[in-house]
């Protein structure tokens, strides 16, 4: 049986907590081994992958979801635009050349798009 493929698009820091809650709640309704989730962060949302004094638990929540199989990606264009060093990203974050390109490619492969 093919896994359900879901893509969450995060472009603003303010919606990270909602996204984490959406994914956590979704996992309550499905068997984790039947779904593949990818989170694509672009624009200002990439900043949340770095140490966040205001929300220190956010990175911990992301890492916990990554350990459950959620893929987190960061847009290289956004990292550059915000002068953020991709070498300093947490190890669970994969860099993609462009966030929008990643979204388009994933949708072409059957991923369901969600923008919290």
PDB file of N, CA and C in Angstrom:
ATOM      1  N   UNK A   1       0.845  -1.185   0.000  1.00  0.00           N
ATOM      2  CA  UNK A   1       0.000   0.000   0.000  1.00  0.00           C
ATOM      3  C   UNK A   1       0.890   1.248   0.000  1.00  0.00           C
ATOM      4  N   UNK A   2       0.581   2.157  -0.896  1.00  0.00           N
ATOM      5  CA  UNK A   2       1.366   3.390  -1.002  1.00  0.00           C
ATOM      6  C   UNK A   2       1.044   4.320   0.167  1.00  0.00           C
ATOM      7  N   UNK A   3       2.092   4.962   0.667  1.00  0.00           N
ATOM      8  CA  UNK A   3       1.909   5.897   1.775  1.00  0.00           C
ATOM      9  C   UNK A   3       1.170   7.148   1.308  1.00  0.00           C
ATOM     10  N   UNK A   4       0.404   7.725   2.210  1.00  0.00           N
ATOM     11  CA  UNK A   4      -0.197   9.034   1.979  1.00  0.00           C
ATOM     12  C   UNK A   4       0.936  10.043   2.100  1.00  0.00           C
ATOM     13  N   UNK A   5       1.041  10.938   1.136  1.00  0.00           N
ATOM     14  CA  UNK A   5       2.125  11.924   1.126  1.00  0.00           C
ATOM     15  C   UNK A   5       1.530  13.311   1.374  1.00  0.00           C
ATOM     16  N   UNK A   6       2.026  13.955   2.435  1.00  0.00           N
ATOM     17  CA  UNK A   6       1.483  15.251   2.842  1.00  0.00           C
ATOM     18  C   UNK A   6       2.615  16.264   2.930  1.00  0.00           C
ATOM     19  N   UNK A   7       2.384  17.439   2.374  1.00  0.00           N
ATOM     20  CA  UNK A   7       3.376  18.507   2.406  1.00  0.00           C
ATOM     21  C   UNK A   7       2.790  19.713   3.131  1.00  0.00           C
ATOM     22  N   UNK A   8       3.460  20.139   4.182  1.00  0.00           N
ATOM     23  CA  UNK A   8       3.079  21.354   4.906  1.00  0.00           C
ATOM     24  C   UNK A   8       3.995  22.483   4.458  1.00  0.00           C
ATOM     25  N   UNK A   9       3.414  23.612   4.089  1.00  0.00           N
ATOM     26  CA  UNK A   9       4.169  24.776   3.622  1.00  0.00           C
ATOM     27  C   UNK A   9       4.130  25.847   4.706  1.00  0.00           C
ATOM     28  N   UNK A  10       5.318  26.208   5.204  1.00  0.00           N
ATOM     29  CA  UNK A  10       5.420  27.228   6.250  1.00  0.00           C
ATOM     30  C   UNK A  10       6.247  28.382   5.704  1.00  0.00           C
ATOM     31  N   UNK A  11       5.631  29.556   5.602  1.00  0.00           N
ATOM     32  CA  UNK A  11       6.348  30.722   5.079  1.00  0.00           C
ATOM     33  C   UNK A  11       6.464  31.855   6.103  1.00  0.00           C
ATOM     34  N   UNK A  12       5.829  31.692   7.254  1.00  0.00           N
ATOM     35  CA  UNK A  12       5.868  32.728   8.293  1.00  0.00           C
ATOM     36  C   UNK A  12       6.185  32.083   9.637  1.00  0.00           C
ATOM     37  N   UNK A  13       7.039  32.716  10.413  1.00  0.00           N
ATOM     38  CA  UNK A  13       7.395  32.183  11.734  1.00  0.00           C
ATOM     39  C   UNK A  13       6.176  31.993  12.630  1.00  0.00           C
ATOM     40  N   UNK A  14       5.193  32.853  12.479  1.00  0.00           N
ATOM     41  CA  UNK A  14       4.035  32.840  13.366  1.00  0.00           C
ATOM     42  C   UNK A  14       3.194  31.576  13.238  1.00  0.00           C
ATOM     43  N   UNK A  15       3.328  30.833  12.152  1.00  0.00           N
ATOM     44  CA  UNK A  15       2.469  29.648  11.993  1.00  0.00           C
ATOM     45  C   UNK A  15       3.176  28.332  12.311  1.00  0.00           C
ATOM     46  N   UNK A  16       4.416  28.409  12.780  1.00  0.00           N
ATOM     47  CA  UNK A  16       5.122  27.170  13.124  1.00  0.00           C
ATOM     48  C   UNK A  16       4.376  26.358  14.177  1.00  0.00           C
ATOM     49  N   UNK A  17       3.949  26.994  15.251  1.00  0.00           N
ATOM     50  CA  UNK A  17       3.303  26.247  16.336  1.00  0.00           C
ATOM     51  C   UNK A  17       2.027  25.582  15.844  1.00  0.00           C
ATOM     52  N   UNK A  18       1.281  26.282  15.002  1.00  0.00           N
ATOM     53  CA  UNK A  18       0.064  25.708  14.416  1.00  0.00           C
ATOM     54  C   UNK A  18       0.415  24.504  13.545  1.00  0.00           C
ATOM     55  N   UNK A  19       1.494  24.613  12.786  1.00  0.00           N
ATOM     56  CA  UNK A  19       1.927  23.515  11.922  1.00  0.00           C
ATOM     57  C   UNK A  19       2.315  22.296  12.749  1.00  0.00           C
ATOM     58  N   UNK A  20       3.096  22.510  13.797  1.00  0.00           N
ATOM     59  CA  UNK A  20       3.503  21.415  14.683  1.00  0.00           C
ATOM     60  C   UNK A  20       2.265  20.746  15.284  1.00  0.00           C
ATOM     61  N   UNK A  21       1.300  21.548  15.720  1.00  0.00           N
ATOM     62  CA  UNK A  21       0.057  21.005  16.288  1.00  0.00           C
ATOM     63  C   UNK A  21      -0.726  20.224  15.239  1.00  0.00           C
ATOM     64  N   UNK A  22      -0.799  20.744  14.012  1.00  0.00           N
ATOM     65  CA  UNK A  22      -1.507  20.042  12.932  1.00  0.00           C
ATOM     66  C   UNK A  22      -0.899  18.668  12.674  1.00  0.00           C
ATOM     67  N   UNK A  23       0.420  18.613  12.604  1.00  0.00           N
ATOM     68  CA  UNK A  23       1.104  17.340  12.339  1.00  0.00           C
ATOM     69  C   UNK A  23       0.897  16.375  13.504  1.00  0.00           C
ATOM     70  N   UNK A  24       1.054  16.871  14.717  1.00  0.00           N
ATOM     71  CA  UNK A  24       0.870  16.034  15.905  1.00  0.00           C
ATOM     72  C   UNK A  24      -0.547  15.474  15.953  1.00  0.00           C
ATOM     73  N   UNK A  25      -1.529  16.304  15.680  1.00  0.00           N
ATOM     74  CA  UNK A  25      -2.923  15.852  15.671  1.00  0.00           C
ATOM     75  C   UNK A  25      -3.184  14.870  14.538  1.00  0.00           C
ATOM     76  N   UNK A  26      -2.583  15.097  13.392  1.00  0.00           N
ATOM     77  CA  UNK A  26      -2.758  14.175  12.266  1.00  0.00           C
ATOM     78  C   UNK A  26      -2.225  12.792  12.634  1.00  0.00           C
ATOM     79  N   UNK A  27      -1.074  12.754  13.306  1.00  0.00           N
ATOM     80  CA  UNK A  27      -0.501  11.475  13.727  1.00  0.00           C
ATOM     81  C   UNK A  27      -1.424  10.724  14.694  1.00  0.00           C
ATOM     82  N   UNK A  28      -2.300  11.428  15.393  1.00  0.00           N
ATOM     83  CA  UNK A  28      -3.254  10.766  16.288  1.00  0.00           C
ATOM     84  C   UNK A  28      -4.327  10.019  15.498  1.00  0.00           C
ATOM     85  N   UNK A  29      -4.554  10.448  14.252  1.00  0.00           N
ATOM     86  CA  UNK A  29      -5.633   9.886  13.441  1.00  0.00           C
ATOM     87  C   UNK A  29      -5.187   8.846  12.423  1.00  0.00           C
ATOM     88  N   UNK A  30      -3.881   8.714  12.212  1.00  0.00           N
ATOM     89  CA  UNK A  30      -3.382   7.764  11.216  1.00  0.00           C
ATOM     90  C   UNK A  30      -2.263   6.927  11.828  1.00  0.00           C
ATOM     91  N   UNK A  31      -2.007   5.788  11.216  1.00  0.00           N
ATOM     92  CA  UNK A  31      -0.839   5.006  11.607  1.00  0.00           C
ATOM     93  C   UNK A  31       0.371   5.656  10.957  1.00  0.00           C
ATOM     94  N   UNK A  32       1.380   5.943  11.759  1.00  0.00           N
ATOM     95  CA  UNK A  32       2.530   6.704  11.262  1.00  0.00           C
ATOM     96  C   UNK A  32       3.216   6.039  10.074  1.00  0.00           C
ATOM     97  N   UNK A  33       3.190   4.716  10.021  1.00  0.00           N
ATOM     98  CA  UNK A  33       3.875   4.038   8.914  1.00  0.00           C
ATOM     99  C   UNK A  33       3.075   4.076   7.609  1.00  0.00           C
ATOM    100  N   UNK A  34       1.903   4.730   7.622  1.00  0.00           N
ATOM    101  CA  UNK A  34       1.102   4.836   6.400  1.00  0.00           C
ATOM    102  C   UNK A  34       1.192   6.213   5.754  1.00  0.00           C
ATOM    103  N   UNK A  35       2.016   7.087   6.332  1.00  0.00           N
ATOM    104  CA  UNK A  35       2.072   8.465   5.851  1.00  0.00           C
ATOM    105  C   UNK A  35       3.515   8.948   5.784  1.00  0.00           C
ATOM    106  N   UNK A  36       3.785   9.816   4.806  1.00  0.00           N
ATOM    107  CA  UNK A  36       5.070  10.517   4.752  1.00  0.00           C
ATOM    108  C   UNK A  36       4.762  12.008   4.755  1.00  0.00           C
ATOM    109  N   UNK A  37       5.372  12.721   5.702  1.00  0.00           N
ATOM    110  CA  UNK A  37       5.132  14.160   5.829  1.00  0.00           C
ATOM    111  C   UNK A  37       6.428  14.909   5.582  1.00  0.00           C
ATOM    112  N   UNK A  38       6.324  15.955   4.769  1.00  0.00           N
ATOM    113  CA  UNK A  38       7.442  16.870   4.562  1.00  0.00           C
ATOM    114  C   UNK A  38       6.964  18.276   4.901  1.00  0.00           C
ATOM    115  N   UNK A  39       7.826  19.017   5.577  1.00  0.00           N
ATOM    116  CA  UNK A  39       7.554  20.417   5.896  1.00  0.00           C
ATOM    117  C   UNK A  39       8.550  21.258   5.114  1.00  0.00           C
ATOM    118  N   UNK A  40       8.036  22.144   4.272  1.00  0.00           N
ATOM    119  CA  UNK A  40       8.895  23.039   3.497  1.00  0.00           C
ATOM    120  C   UNK A  40       8.794  24.433   4.106  1.00  0.00           C
ATOM    121  N   UNK A  41       9.936  24.937   4.565  1.00  0.00           N
ATOM    122  CA  UNK A  41       9.989  26.296   5.109  1.00  0.00           C
ATOM    123  C   UNK A  41      10.686  27.202   4.111  1.00  0.00           C
ATOM    124  N   UNK A  42      10.046  28.316   3.813  1.00  0.00           N
ATOM    125  CA  UNK A  42      10.675  29.319   2.953  1.00  0.00           C
ATOM    126  C   UNK A  42      10.382  30.693   3.547  1.00  0.00           C
ATOM    127  N   UNK A  43      10.790  31.718   2.820  1.00  0.00           N
ATOM    128  CA  UNK A  43      10.613  33.109   3.286  1.00  0.00           C
ATOM    129  C   UNK A  43      11.141  33.242   4.717  1.00  0.00           C
ATOM    130  N   UNK A  44      10.467  34.013   5.548  1.00  0.00           N
ATOM    131  CA  UNK A  44      10.942  34.268   6.901  1.00  0.00           C
ATOM    132  C   UNK A  44      10.891  33.074   7.833  1.00  0.00           C
ATOM    133  N   UNK A  45      10.141  32.041   7.464  1.00  0.00           N
ATOM    134  CA  UNK A  45       9.986  30.878   8.342  1.00  0.00           C
ATOM    135  C   UNK A  45      11.278  30.102   8.551  1.00  0.00           C
ATOM    136  N   UNK A  46      12.250  30.261   7.654  1.00  0.00           N
ATOM    137  CA  UNK A  46      13.511  29.525   7.823  1.00  0.00           C
ATOM    138  C   UNK A  46      14.247  29.952   9.089  1.00  0.00           C
ATOM    139  N   UNK A  47      14.003  31.160   9.565  1.00  0.00           N
ATOM    140  CA  UNK A  47      14.694  31.654  10.762  1.00  0.00           C
ATOM    141  C   UNK A  47      14.381  30.812  11.995  1.00  0.00           C
ATOM    142  N   UNK A  48      13.224  30.163  12.015  1.00  0.00           N
ATOM    143  CA  UNK A  48      12.852  29.358  13.182  1.00  0.00           C
ATOM    144  C   UNK A  48      13.668  28.080  13.310  1.00  0.00           C
ATOM    145  N   UNK A  49      14.407  27.721  12.281  1.00  0.00           N
ATOM    146  CA  UNK A  49      15.278  26.549  12.381  1.00  0.00           C
ATOM    147  C   UNK A  49      16.525  26.842  13.213  1.00  0.00           C
ATOM    148  N   UNK A  50      16.737  28.092  13.527  1.00  0.00           N
ATOM    149  CA  UNK A  50      17.901  28.486  14.315  1.00  0.00           C
ATOM    150  C   UNK A  50      17.457  28.735  15.750  1.00  0.00           C
ATOM    151  N   UNK A  51      18.388  28.718  16.677  1.00  0.00           N
ATOM    152  CA  UNK A  51      18.063  28.895  18.096  1.00  0.00           C
ATOM    153  C   UNK A  51      17.112  30.066  18.278  1.00  0.00           C
ATOM    154  N   UNK A  52      16.020  29.803  18.934  1.00  0.00           N
ATOM    155  CA  UNK A  52      14.974  30.805  19.096  1.00  0.00           C
ATOM    156  C   UNK A  52      14.762  31.084  20.581  1.00  0.00           C
ATOM    157  N   UNK A  53      15.163  32.251  21.024  1.00  0.00           N
ATOM    158  CA  UNK A  53      15.040  32.624  22.435  1.00  0.00           C
ATOM    159  C   UNK A  53      13.578  32.706  22.883  1.00  0.00           C
ATOM    160  N   UNK A  54      12.695  33.112  21.979  1.00  0.00           N
ATOM    161  CA  UNK A  54      11.288  33.284  22.343  1.00  0.00           C
ATOM    162  C   UNK A  54      10.544  31.955  22.463  1.00  0.00           C
ATOM    163  N   UNK A  55      10.956  30.982  21.656  1.00  0.00           N
ATOM    164  CA  UNK A  55      10.261  29.689  21.640  1.00  0.00           C
ATOM    165  C   UNK A  55      11.279  28.540  21.648  1.00  0.00           C
ATOM    166  N   UNK A  56      11.975  28.342  22.759  1.00  0.00           N
ATOM    167  CA  UNK A  56      13.018  27.308  22.786  1.00  0.00           C
ATOM    168  C   UNK A  56      12.470  25.899  22.572  1.00  0.00           C
ATOM    169  N   UNK A  57      11.205  25.673  22.909  1.00  0.00           N
ATOM    170  CA  UNK A  57      10.630  24.339  22.744  1.00  0.00           C
ATOM    171  C   UNK A  57      10.337  24.009  21.285  1.00  0.00           C
ATOM    172  N   UNK A  58      10.276  24.998  20.422  1.00  0.00           N
ATOM    173  CA  UNK A  58       9.913  24.764  19.027  1.00  0.00           C
ATOM    174  C   UNK A  58      10.891  23.817  18.336  1.00  0.00           C
ATOM    175  N   UNK A  59      12.177  24.061  18.465  1.00  0.00           N
ATOM    176  CA  UNK A  59      13.165  23.176  17.845  1.00  0.00           C
ATOM    177  C   UNK A  59      13.086  21.772  18.427  1.00  0.00           C
ATOM    178  N   UNK A  60      12.810  21.660  19.706  1.00  0.00           N
ATOM    179  CA  UNK A  60      12.668  20.340  20.328  1.00  0.00           C
ATOM    180  C   UNK A  60      11.470  19.599  19.742  1.00  0.00           C
ATOM    181  N   UNK A  61      10.379  20.314  19.527  1.00  0.00           N
ATOM    182  CA  UNK A  61       9.190  19.699  18.935  1.00  0.00           C
ATOM    183  C   UNK A  61       9.465  19.263  17.498  1.00  0.00           C
ATOM    184  N   UNK A  62      10.172  20.109  16.748  1.00  0.00           N
ATOM    185  CA  UNK A  62      10.530  19.747  15.373  1.00  0.00           C
ATOM    186  C   UNK A  62      11.393  18.488  15.364  1.00  0.00           C
ATOM    187  N   UNK A  63      12.399  18.465  16.233  1.00  0.00           N
ATOM    188  CA  UNK A  63      13.301  17.315  16.273  1.00  0.00           C
ATOM    189  C   UNK A  63      12.554  16.037  16.656  1.00  0.00           C
ATOM    190  N   UNK A  64      11.622  16.140  17.587  1.00  0.00           N
ATOM    191  CA  UNK A  64      10.821  14.978  17.980  1.00  0.00           C
ATOM    192  C   UNK A  64      10.004  14.463  16.799  1.00  0.00           C
ATOM    193  N   UNK A  65       9.439  15.370  16.009  1.00  0.00           N
ATOM    194  CA  UNK A  65       8.687  14.955  14.818  1.00  0.00           C
ATOM    195  C   UNK A  65       9.621  14.361  13.764  1.00  0.00           C
ATOM    196  N   UNK A  66      10.806  14.923  13.628  1.00  0.00           N
ATOM    197  CA  UNK A  66      11.786  14.373  12.685  1.00  0.00           C
ATOM    198  C   UNK A  66      12.132  12.936  13.069  1.00  0.00           C
ATOM    199  N   UNK A  67      12.224  12.662  14.353  1.00  0.00           N
ATOM    200  CA  UNK A  67      12.514  11.304  14.812  1.00  0.00           C
ATOM    201  C   UNK A  67      11.363  10.354  14.517  1.00  0.00           C
ATOM    202  N   UNK A  68      10.184  10.906  14.310  1.00  0.00           N
ATOM    203  CA  UNK A  68       9.010  10.098  13.945  1.00  0.00           C
ATOM    204  C   UNK A  68       8.859   9.984  12.428  1.00  0.00           C
ATOM    205  N   UNK A  69       9.815  10.538  11.677  1.00  0.00           N
ATOM    206  CA  UNK A  69       9.801  10.385  10.228  1.00  0.00           C
ATOM    207  C   UNK A  69       9.421  11.605   9.426  1.00  0.00           C
ATOM    208  N   UNK A  70       9.124  12.717  10.077  1.00  0.00           N
ATOM    209  CA  UNK A  70       8.775  13.943   9.349  1.00  0.00           C
ATOM    210  C   UNK A  70      10.054  14.556   8.783  1.00  0.00           C
ATOM    211  N   UNK A  71      10.021  14.907   7.496  1.00  0.00           N
ATOM    212  CA  UNK A  71      11.161  15.563   6.852  1.00  0.00           C
ATOM    213  C   UNK A  71      10.973  17.073   6.915  1.00  0.00           C
ATOM    214  N   UNK A  72      11.991  17.765   7.392  1.00  0.00           N
ATOM    215  CA  UNK A  72      11.980  19.224   7.445  1.00  0.00           C
ATOM    216  C   UNK A  72      12.971  19.750   6.417  1.00  0.00           C
ATOM    217  N   UNK A  73      12.530  20.715   5.602  1.00  0.00           N
ATOM    218  CA  UNK A  73      13.406  21.302   4.595  1.00  0.00           C
ATOM    219  C   UNK A  73      13.430  22.820   4.739  1.00  0.00           C
ATOM    220  N   UNK A  74      14.533  23.395   4.264  1.00  0.00           N
ATOM    221  CA  UNK A  74      14.701  24.851   4.281  1.00  0.00           C
ATOM    222  C   UNK A  74      15.088  25.306   2.884  1.00  0.00           C
ATOM    223  N   UNK A  75      14.508  26.387   2.452  1.00  0.00           N
ATOM    224  CA  UNK A  75      14.783  26.972   1.145  1.00  0.00           C
ATOM    225  C   UNK A  75      16.131  27.708   1.178  1.00  0.00           C
ATOM    226  N   UNK A  76      17.030  27.305   0.294  1.00  0.00           N
ATOM    227  CA  UNK A  76      18.348  27.952   0.229  1.00  0.00           C
ATOM    228  C   UNK A  76      18.216  29.427  -0.137  1.00  0.00           C
ATOM    229  N   UNK A  77      17.296  29.757  -1.030  1.00  0.00           N
ATOM    230  CA  UNK A  77      17.097  31.161  -1.415  1.00  0.00           C
ATOM    231  C   UNK A  77      16.703  32.008  -0.205  1.00  0.00           C
ATOM    232  N   UNK A  78      15.818  31.482   0.631  1.00  0.00           N
ATOM    233  CA  UNK A  78      15.377  32.216   1.825  1.00  0.00           C
ATOM    234  C   UNK A  78      16.507  32.331   2.844  1.00  0.00           C
ATOM    235  N   UNK A  79      17.278  31.261   3.002  1.00  0.00           N
ATOM    236  CA  UNK A  79      18.420  31.324   3.921  1.00  0.00           C
ATOM    237  C   UNK A  79      19.363  32.435   3.492  1.00  0.00           C
ATOM    238  N   UNK A  80      19.642  32.484   2.195  1.00  0.00           N
ATOM    239  CA  UNK A  80      20.530  33.528   1.647  1.00  0.00           C
ATOM    240  C   UNK A  80      19.954  34.920   1.858  1.00  0.00           C
ATOM    241  N   UNK A  81      18.678  35.075   1.548  1.00  0.00           N
ATOM    242  CA  UNK A  81      18.028  36.382   1.659  1.00  0.00           C
ATOM    243  C   UNK A  81      18.031  36.898   3.097  1.00  0.00           C
ATOM    244  N   UNK A  82      18.006  35.978   4.063  1.00  0.00           N
ATOM    245  CA  UNK A  82      17.983  36.368   5.478  1.00  0.00           C
ATOM    246  C   UNK A  82      19.367  36.255   6.125  1.00  0.00           C
ATOM    247  N   UNK A  83      20.387  36.052   5.295  1.00  0.00           N
ATOM    248  CA  UNK A  83      21.780  35.976   5.767  1.00  0.00           C
ATOM    249  C   UNK A  83      21.952  34.934   6.870  1.00  0.00           C
ATOM    250  N   UNK A  84      21.356  33.749   6.643  1.00  0.00           N
ATOM    251  CA  UNK A  84      21.450  32.651   7.597  1.00  0.00           C
ATOM    252  C   UNK A  84      22.370  31.572   7.031  1.00  0.00           C
ATOM    253  N   UNK A  85      23.237  31.054   7.858  1.00  0.00           N
ATOM    254  CA  UNK A  85      24.236  30.071   7.441  1.00  0.00           C
ATOM    255  C   UNK A  85      23.640  28.667   7.440  1.00  0.00           C
ATOM    256  N   UNK A  86      23.523  28.073   6.271  1.00  0.00           N
ATOM    257  CA  UNK A  86      22.918  26.744   6.196  1.00  0.00           C
ATOM    258  C   UNK A  86      23.739  25.692   6.935  1.00  0.00           C
ATOM    259  N   UNK A  87      25.028  25.943   7.129  1.00  0.00           N
ATOM    260  CA  UNK A  87      25.866  25.001   7.877  1.00  0.00           C
ATOM    261  C   UNK A  87      25.488  24.966   9.360  1.00  0.00           C
ATOM    262  N   UNK A  88      24.771  25.973   9.817  1.00  0.00           N
ATOM    263  CA  UNK A  88      24.368  26.049  11.227  1.00  0.00           C
ATOM    264  C   UNK A  88      22.974  25.477  11.484  1.00  0.00           C
ATOM    265  N   UNK A  89      22.348  24.947  10.454  1.00  0.00           N
ATOM    266  CA  UNK A  89      21.022  24.351  10.621  1.00  0.00           C
ATOM    267  C   UNK A  89      21.108  23.084  11.467  1.00  0.00           C
ATOM    268  N   UNK A  90      20.038  22.752  12.168  1.00  0.00           N
ATOM    269  CA  UNK A  90      20.018  21.474  12.887  1.00  0.00           C
ATOM    270  C   UNK A  90      20.185  20.318  11.898  1.00  0.00           C
ATOM    271  N   UNK A  91      20.723  19.222  12.370  1.00  0.00           N
ATOM    272  CA  UNK A  91      21.023  18.090  11.484  1.00  0.00           C
ATOM    273  C   UNK A  91      19.785  17.472  10.851  1.00  0.00           C
ATOM    274  N   UNK A  92      18.609  17.680  11.431  1.00  0.00           N
ATOM    275  CA  UNK A  92      17.398  17.081  10.873  1.00  0.00           C
ATOM    276  C   UNK A  92      16.789  17.902   9.730  1.00  0.00           C
ATOM    277  N   UNK A  93      17.388  19.044   9.394  1.00  0.00           N
ATOM    278  CA  UNK A  93      16.865  19.908   8.329  1.00  0.00           C
ATOM    279  C   UNK A  93      17.678  19.708   7.055  1.00  0.00           C
ATOM    280  N   UNK A  94      16.965  19.462   5.962  1.00  0.00           N
ATOM    281  CA  UNK A  94      17.590  19.313   4.645  1.00  0.00           C
ATOM    282  C   UNK A  94      17.381  20.608   3.871  1.00  0.00           C
ATOM    283  N   UNK A  95      18.419  21.052   3.179  1.00  0.00           N
ATOM    284  CA  UNK A  95      18.328  22.284   2.390  1.00  0.00           C
ATOM    285  C   UNK A  95      17.932  21.926   0.961  1.00  0.00           C
ATOM    286  N   UNK A  96      16.959  22.666   0.426  1.00  0.00           N
ATOM    287  CA  UNK A  96      16.551  22.517  -0.973  1.00  0.00           C
ATOM    288  C   UNK A  96      16.853  23.827  -1.685  1.00  0.00           C
ATOM    289  N   UNK A  97      17.092  23.755  -2.980  1.00  0.00           N
ATOM    290  CA  UNK A  97      17.495  24.962  -3.711  1.00  0.00           C
ATOM    291  C   UNK A  97      16.432  26.051  -3.653  1.00  0.00           C
ATOM    292  N   UNK A  98      15.179  25.675  -3.798  1.00  0.00           N
ATOM    293  CA  UNK A  98      14.086  26.641  -3.744  1.00  0.00           C
ATOM    294  C   UNK A  98      12.860  26.017  -3.107  1.00  0.00           C
ATOM    295  N   UNK A  99      12.246  26.715  -2.176  1.00  0.00           N
ATOM    296  CA  UNK A  99      11.072  26.187  -1.501  1.00  0.00           C
ATOM    297  C   UNK A  99       9.901  25.967  -2.443  1.00  0.00           C
ATOM    298  N   UNK A 100       9.651  26.926  -3.303  1.00  0.00           N
ATOM    299  CA  UNK A 100       8.532  26.799  -4.244  1.00  0.00           C
ATOM    300  C   UNK A 100       8.796  25.663  -5.231  1.00  0.00           C
ATOM    301  N   UNK A 101      10.032  25.543  -5.674  1.00  0.00           N
ATOM    302  CA  UNK A 101      10.392  24.441  -6.574  1.00  0.00           C
ATOM    303  C   UNK A 101      10.142  23.101  -5.891  1.00  0.00           C
ATOM    304  N   UNK A 102      10.518  22.989  -4.630  1.00  0.00           N
ATOM    305  CA  UNK A 102      10.289  21.758  -3.863  1.00  0.00           C
ATOM    306  C   UNK A 102       8.794  21.463  -3.756  1.00  0.00           C
ATOM    307  N   UNK A 103       8.003  22.484  -3.492  1.00  0.00           N
ATOM    308  CA  UNK A 103       6.555  22.296  -3.380  1.00  0.00           C
ATOM    309  C   UNK A 103       5.974  21.802  -4.702  1.00  0.00           C
ATOM    310  N   UNK A 104       6.357  22.438  -5.793  1.00  0.00           N
ATOM    311  CA  UNK A 104       5.856  22.033  -7.114  1.00  0.00           C
ATOM    312  C   UNK A 104       6.262  20.593  -7.415  1.00  0.00           C
ATOM    313  N   UNK A 105       7.527  20.266  -7.176  1.00  0.00           N
ATOM    314  CA  UNK A 105       8.005  18.905  -7.449  1.00  0.00           C
ATOM    315  C   UNK A 105       7.264  17.874  -6.609  1.00  0.00           C
ATOM    316  N   UNK A 106       7.027  18.186  -5.357  1.00  0.00           N
ATOM    317  CA  UNK A 106       6.317  17.245  -4.484  1.00  0.00           C
ATOM    318  C   UNK A 106       4.856  17.103  -4.908  1.00  0.00           C
ATOM    319  N   UNK A 107       4.224  18.198  -5.293  1.00  0.00           N
ATOM    320  CA  UNK A 107       2.830  18.097  -5.733  1.00  0.00           C
ATOM    321  C   UNK A 107       2.727  17.259  -7.007  1.00  0.00           C
ATOM    322  N   UNK A 108       3.695  17.383  -7.867  1.00  0.00           N
ATOM    323  CA  UNK A 108       3.709  16.562  -9.084  1.00  0.00           C
ATOM    324  C   UNK A 108       3.854  15.077  -8.749  1.00  0.00           C
ATOM    325  N   UNK A 109       4.438  14.793  -7.584  1.00  0.00           N
ATOM    326  CA  UNK A 109       4.619  13.401  -7.149  1.00  0.00           C
ATOM    327  C   UNK A 109       3.475  12.921  -6.259  1.00  0.00           C
ATOM    328  N   UNK A 110       2.410  13.709  -6.188  1.00  0.00           N
ATOM    329  CA  UNK A 110       1.223  13.270  -5.473  1.00  0.00           C
ATOM    330  C   UNK A 110       1.099  13.708  -4.026  1.00  0.00           C
ATOM    331  N   UNK A 111       1.952  14.606  -3.574  1.00  0.00           N
ATOM    332  CA  UNK A 111       1.837  15.107  -2.203  1.00  0.00           C
ATOM    333  C   UNK A 111       0.619  16.016  -2.089  1.00  0.00           C
ATOM    334  N   UNK A 112      -0.081  15.899  -0.983  1.00  0.00           N
ATOM    335  CA  UNK A 112      -1.218  16.763  -0.690  1.00  0.00           C
ATOM    336  C   UNK A 112      -0.697  18.012   0.003  1.00  0.00           C
ATOM    337  N   UNK A 113      -1.093  19.167  -0.485  1.00  0.00           N
ATOM    338  CA  UNK A 113      -0.564  20.457  -0.018  1.00  0.00           C
ATOM    339  C   UNK A 113      -1.417  21.018   1.106  1.00  0.00           C
ATOM    340  N   UNK A 114      -0.747  21.392   2.203  1.00  0.00           N
ATOM    341  CA  UNK A 114      -1.439  22.032   3.323  1.00  0.00           C
ATOM    342  C   UNK A 114      -0.673  23.284   3.718  1.00  0.00           C
ATOM    343  N   UNK A 115      -1.382  24.384   3.821  1.00  0.00           N
ATOM    344  CA  UNK A 115      -0.805  25.660   4.266  1.00  0.00           C
ATOM    345  C   UNK A 115      -1.571  26.072   5.518  1.00  0.00           C
ATOM    346  N   UNK A 116      -1.019  25.762   6.705  1.00  0.00           N
ATOM    347  CA  UNK A 116      -1.747  26.090   7.946  1.00  0.00           C
ATOM    348  C   UNK A 116      -1.981  27.590   8.101  1.00  0.00           C
TER     349      UNK A 116
END
